[in-house]
Amino acid sequence: MNILFFAFVYFFLVIIQTCILPYISCLFFCFDLQLIPVILVSIQYQHYAVCICVAFVGLLMDSLSGCAFFTHIFAYIWIYVMIQFLKRVVFSKNFFFIFVVAILSVGIEFGMVLFPALISKEQVFDGSFVYARQVIMAMMIVPPMVWALDSLRKHWLAFVKSMQEKWIQIYRD
């Protein structure tokens, strides 16, 4: 049931990012909202299947974004690996940990997305202002959203468990 929860969250964030945020002028260069569930899944679980799920989210994002293929896949897998490494060093429920992970995740993804533009030797745009804006937004949005999604996930699991118990009770009677 965790997979179903994260699928709902992912598709909800995709709809927000592709349909709503482009029309809000101050949020046009917003960081990738799919980083929020990727960070939460990477913090919560250590199984290798999570890496496959993160790669699948990257595949879907590559299909939707129009940038070079494997860009988001590679960025999300690096974010997963970075979080798994940092979890061994720092307590993962710490506010500072999620704060630093948010900054590093935006940096990794921003670097992966702009890397093809930078090696083509064409001056596309000055990315420092966009990067600074994305980092500031990530510092304000990611930690509260990770905690909110974690709380929502716990409520979801309690709801699913209560529904399972009700169905078991109905079938036993």
Protein backbone atom coordinates (compact mmCIF):
# COMPACT_ATOMS: atom_id res chain seq x y z
CA MET A 1 0.00 0.00 0.00
CA ASN A 2 3.02 2.29 0.33
CA ILE A 3 3.49 2.03 -3.42
CA LEU A 4 -0.08 3.19 -4.00
CA PHE A 5 0.40 6.14 -1.64
CA PHE A 6 3.61 7.27 -3.32
CA ALA A 7 2.04 6.81 -6.77
CA PHE A 8 -0.82 9.14 -5.78
CA VAL A 9 1.62 11.68 -4.36
CA TYR A 10 3.85 11.52 -7.42
CA PHE A 11 1.02 12.01 -9.90
CA PHE A 12 -0.45 14.82 -7.80
CA LEU A 13 2.91 16.61 -7.80
CA VAL A 14 3.33 16.02 -11.55
CA ILE A 15 -0.03 17.65 -12.19
CA ILE A 16 0.89 20.61 -9.99
CA GLN A 17 4.28 21.02 -11.62
CA THR A 18 3.13 20.67 -15.22
CA CYS A 19 -0.30 22.33 -15.12
CA ILE A 20 -0.28 24.91 -12.32
CA LEU A 21 3.28 26.15 -11.62
CA PRO A 22 4.11 27.27 -15.19
CA TYR A 23 1.26 29.79 -15.02
CA ILE A 24 2.43 31.36 -11.75
CA SER A 25 5.11 33.84 -12.75
CA CYS A 26 7.05 33.86 -9.48
CA LEU A 27 7.22 30.03 -9.45
CA PHE A 28 8.20 29.53 -13.09
CA PHE A 29 11.72 28.36 -12.23
CA CYS A 30 10.63 26.21 -9.29
CA PHE A 31 12.72 23.20 -8.35
CA ASP A 32 11.48 19.76 -9.31
CA LEU A 33 8.64 18.86 -6.95
CA GLN A 34 9.28 15.15 -7.46
CA LEU A 35 12.35 15.60 -5.30
CA ILE A 36 10.06 15.63 -2.26
CA PRO A 37 8.81 12.02 -2.55
CA VAL A 38 12.23 10.89 -3.81
CA ILE A 39 13.84 12.33 -0.66
CA LEU A 40 11.17 10.83 1.60
CA VAL A 41 11.41 7.37 0.02
CA SER A 42 15.20 7.50 0.19
CA ILE A 43 15.11 8.44 3.86
CA GLN A 44 12.47 5.88 4.84
CA TYR A 45 13.70 2.79 2.98
CA GLN A 46 17.03 1.18 2.16
CA HIS A 47 15.97 -1.67 -0.11
CA TYR A 48 17.32 -1.91 -3.65
CA ALA A 49 13.76 -1.96 -4.99
CA VAL A 50 13.52 1.67 -3.86
CA CYS A 51 16.35 2.50 -6.25
CA ILE A 52 14.36 0.88 -9.07
CA CYS A 53 11.25 2.89 -8.09
CA VAL A 54 13.30 6.09 -7.98
CA ALA A 55 14.68 5.27 -11.44
CA PHE A 56 11.11 4.71 -12.68
CA VAL A 57 10.07 8.12 -11.34
CA GLY A 58 13.08 9.57 -13.16
CA LEU A 59 12.02 7.78 -16.34
CA LEU A 60 8.55 9.30 -16.14
CA MET A 61 10.01 12.72 -15.43
CA ASP A 62 12.40 12.39 -18.38
CA SER A 63 9.41 11.59 -20.58
CA LEU A 64 7.52 14.67 -19.38
CA SER A 65 10.30 17.25 -19.16
CA GLY A 66 11.76 17.24 -22.65
CA CYS A 67 15.36 17.34 -21.49
CA ALA A 68 18.01 14.78 -22.41
CA PHE A 69 16.96 11.24 -21.65
CA PHE A 70 18.39 9.62 -18.47
CA THR A 71 18.95 13.06 -16.93
CA HIS A 72 16.36 12.71 -14.19
CA ILE A 73 17.00 8.98 -13.79
CA PHE A 74 20.67 9.63 -13.17
CA ALA A 75 19.98 12.61 -10.89
CA TYR A 76 17.40 10.75 -8.77
CA ILE A 77 19.66 7.70 -8.40
CA TRP A 78 22.52 9.97 -7.30
CA ILE A 79 20.21 11.62 -4.79
CA TYR A 80 19.19 8.19 -3.48
CA VAL A 81 22.84 7.12 -3.16
CA MET A 82 23.79 10.41 -1.46
CA ILE A 83 20.98 10.05 1.08
CA GLN A 84 21.90 6.43 1.79
CA PHE A 85 25.49 7.52 2.41
CA LEU A 86 24.52 10.46 4.62
CA LYS A 87 22.11 8.31 6.64
CA ARG A 88 25.10 6.33 7.89
CA VAL A 89 26.76 9.50 9.18
CA VAL A 90 23.88 11.69 10.41
CA PHE A 91 20.59 10.93 12.17
CA SER A 92 18.10 10.96 9.30
CA LYS A 93 15.12 12.42 11.19
CA ASN A 94 17.06 15.54 12.06
CA PHE A 95 15.84 18.87 10.66
CA PHE A 96 19.37 19.81 9.65
CA PHE A 97 19.75 16.54 7.73
CA ILE A 98 16.62 17.13 5.63
CA PHE A 99 17.64 20.77 5.14
CA VAL A 100 21.10 19.80 3.81
CA VAL A 101 19.65 16.97 1.71
CA ALA A 102 17.22 19.42 0.11
CA ILE A 103 20.03 21.79 -0.85
CA LEU A 104 22.24 18.99 -2.17
CA SER A 105 19.38 17.37 -4.08
CA VAL A 106 18.51 20.59 -5.87
CA GLY A 107 22.19 21.06 -6.64
CA ILE A 108 22.55 17.55 -8.04
CA GLU A 109 19.47 17.85 -10.20
CA PHE A 110 20.28 21.37 -11.37
CA GLY A 111 23.76 20.23 -12.32
CA MET A 112 22.48 17.19 -14.20
CA VAL A 113 19.88 19.15 -16.12
CA LEU A 114 22.26 21.97 -17.09
CA PHE A 115 25.30 19.79 -17.75
CA PRO A 116 24.40 19.13 -21.41
CA ALA A 117 23.86 22.86 -21.97
CA LEU A 118 27.18 23.72 -20.35
CA ILE A 119 29.25 21.24 -22.37
CA SER A 120 27.71 22.39 -25.65
CA LYS A 121 29.67 25.66 -25.21
CA GLU A 122 26.64 27.73 -25.99
CA GLN A 123 25.77 30.48 -23.53
CA VAL A 124 22.19 29.53 -22.70
CA PHE A 125 21.64 31.73 -19.65
CA ASP A 126 23.27 32.60 -16.37
CA GLY A 127 22.10 29.80 -14.14
CA SER A 128 23.40 31.20 -10.84
CA PHE A 129 20.29 33.31 -10.18
CA VAL A 130 17.97 30.42 -11.09
CA TYR A 131 19.99 28.02 -8.94
CA ALA A 132 19.97 30.40 -5.96
CA ARG A 133 16.23 30.85 -6.31
CA GLN A 134 15.66 27.09 -6.48
CA VAL A 135 17.83 26.47 -3.42
CA ILE A 136 15.98 29.11 -1.41
CA MET A 137 12.63 27.65 -2.42
CA ALA A 138 13.83 24.14 -1.61
CA MET A 139 15.04 25.25 1.82
CA MET A 140 11.59 26.65 2.57
CA ILE A 141 9.43 23.97 0.97
CA VAL A 142 11.17 20.58 1.15
CA PRO A 143 11.58 20.02 4.92
CA PRO A 144 7.96 20.84 5.84
CA MET A 145 6.67 18.87 2.84
CA VAL A 146 8.79 15.82 3.73
CA TRP A 147 7.40 15.85 7.26
CA ALA A 148 3.86 16.44 6.00
CA LEU A 149 4.14 13.57 3.52
CA ASP A 150 5.56 11.31 6.22
CA SER A 151 2.63 12.16 8.48
CA LEU A 152 0.18 11.61 5.62
CA ARG A 153 1.83 8.26 4.88
CA LYS A 154 1.39 7.17 8.49
CA HIS A 155 -2.29 8.16 8.41
CA TRP A 156 -2.68 6.36 5.09
CA LEU A 157 -1.19 3.16 6.54
CA ALA A 158 -3.46 3.40 9.60
CA PHE A 159 -6.47 3.88 7.31
CA VAL A 160 -5.51 0.90 5.16
CA LYS A 161 -4.96 -1.25 8.22
CA SER A 162 -8.38 -0.31 9.64
CA MET A 163 -10.03 -1.06 6.28
CA GLN A 164 -8.30 -4.44 6.14
CA GLU A 165 -9.50 -5.26 9.64
CA LYS A 166 -13.06 -4.27 8.70
CA TRP A 167 -12.98 -6.44 5.58
CA ILE A 168 -11.56 -9.36 7.56
CA GLN A 169 -14.30 -8.91 10.15
CA ILE A 170 -16.97 -8.81 7.42
CA TYR A 171 -15.69 -12.00 5.78
CA ARG A 172 -15.37 -13.82 9.11
CA ASP A 173 -18.98 -13.07 9.99
